[in-house]
Protein backbone atom coordinates (compact mmCIF):
# COMPACT_ATOMS: atom_id res chain seq x y z
CA UNK A 1 -4.49 -66.64 -6.32
CA UNK A 2 -5.36 -65.07 -9.67
CA UNK A 3 -5.78 -67.45 -12.59
CA UNK A 4 -3.47 -66.84 -15.50
CA UNK A 5 -5.19 -66.23 -18.85
CA UNK A 6 -3.77 -67.94 -21.86
CA UNK A 7 -2.32 -65.44 -24.30
CA UNK A 8 -2.80 -66.16 -28.00
CA UNK A 9 0.34 -67.06 -29.77
CA UNK A 10 1.85 -64.17 -31.86
CA UNK A 11 1.51 -64.57 -35.69
CA UNK A 12 4.79 -62.88 -36.59
CA UNK A 13 8.36 -63.07 -35.54
CA UNK A 14 8.25 -59.61 -33.86
CA UNK A 15 5.59 -60.85 -31.33
CA UNK A 16 2.74 -58.68 -32.76
CA UNK A 17 -0.12 -60.34 -34.65
CA UNK A 18 -0.53 -59.35 -38.25
CA UNK A 19 -3.30 -57.14 -39.57
CA UNK A 20 -5.48 -60.00 -40.74
CA UNK A 21 -5.42 -61.97 -37.47
CA UNK A 22 -6.11 -58.80 -35.49
CA UNK A 23 -9.10 -58.01 -37.72
CA UNK A 24 -10.41 -61.63 -37.46
CA UNK A 25 -10.16 -61.45 -33.70
CA UNK A 26 -11.95 -58.05 -33.75
CA UNK A 27 -14.75 -59.58 -35.81
CA UNK A 28 -15.07 -62.57 -33.48
CA UNK A 29 -15.11 -60.42 -30.38
CA UNK A 30 -17.72 -58.17 -31.98
CA UNK A 31 -20.00 -61.09 -32.74
CA UNK A 32 -19.70 -62.36 -29.17
CA UNK A 33 -20.67 -58.83 -27.87
CA UNK A 34 -23.63 -58.57 -30.21
CA UNK A 35 -24.95 -61.92 -28.95
CA UNK A 36 -25.07 -60.36 -25.49
CA UNK A 37 -27.28 -57.43 -26.53
CA UNK A 38 -30.89 -57.38 -25.56
CA UNK A 39 -32.56 -55.95 -28.62
CA UNK A 40 -35.76 -53.89 -28.24
CA UNK A 41 -39.02 -55.31 -29.54
CA UNK A 42 -40.84 -53.74 -32.54
CA UNK A 43 -43.33 -52.06 -30.16
CA UNK A 44 -40.67 -50.62 -27.99
CA UNK A 45 -38.86 -49.23 -31.08
CA UNK A 46 -42.06 -47.63 -32.36
CA UNK A 47 -42.83 -45.99 -28.97
CA UNK A 48 -39.27 -44.65 -28.69
CA UNK A 49 -39.39 -43.40 -32.27
CA UNK A 50 -42.71 -41.58 -31.67
CA UNK A 51 -41.42 -40.08 -28.44
CA UNK A 52 -38.33 -38.67 -30.19
CA UNK A 53 -40.38 -37.37 -33.08
CA UNK A 54 -42.84 -35.73 -30.70
CA UNK A 55 -40.03 -34.18 -28.75
CA UNK A 56 -38.45 -32.77 -31.96
CA UNK A 57 -41.76 -31.34 -33.12
CA UNK A 58 -42.41 -29.62 -29.77
CA UNK A 59 -38.86 -28.20 -29.74
CA UNK A 60 -39.17 -26.95 -33.28
CA UNK A 61 -42.33 -25.09 -32.33
CA UNK A 62 -40.66 -23.60 -29.20
CA UNK A 63 -37.49 -22.59 -31.07
CA UNK A 64 -39.64 -21.16 -33.93
CA UNK A 65 -41.54 -18.95 -31.61
CA UNK A 66 -38.39 -17.83 -29.88
CA UNK A 67 -36.77 -17.00 -33.21
CA UNK A 68 -39.88 -15.09 -34.36
CA UNK A 69 -40.05 -13.22 -31.10
CA UNK A 70 -36.34 -12.16 -31.20
CA UNK A 71 -36.42 -11.26 -34.88
CA UNK A 72 -39.45 -9.06 -34.22
CA UNK A 73 -37.63 -7.44 -31.27
CA UNK A 74 -34.55 -6.72 -33.36
CA UNK A 75 -36.77 -5.28 -36.12
CA UNK A 76 -38.56 -3.05 -33.57
CA UNK A 77 -35.22 -1.88 -32.10
CA UNK A 78 -33.62 -1.15 -35.50
CA UNK A 79 -36.62 0.67 -37.06
């Protein structure tokens, strides 16, 4: 049989918590989730950053060459 979870008591007469209590609950739940995160080490962060920068540099060169080639082709066709 499923265990029934306790529901927090509503803060207003309408049954809906007010903005401040909802925000406080959001902050508390966010803190709890951040405690579960496995953060990368400094070395892992550096390696990932260098990999991204390397990939961006390679793609910039490739796209630059494609752009140069296509612009040369368009100039050749139009002249």
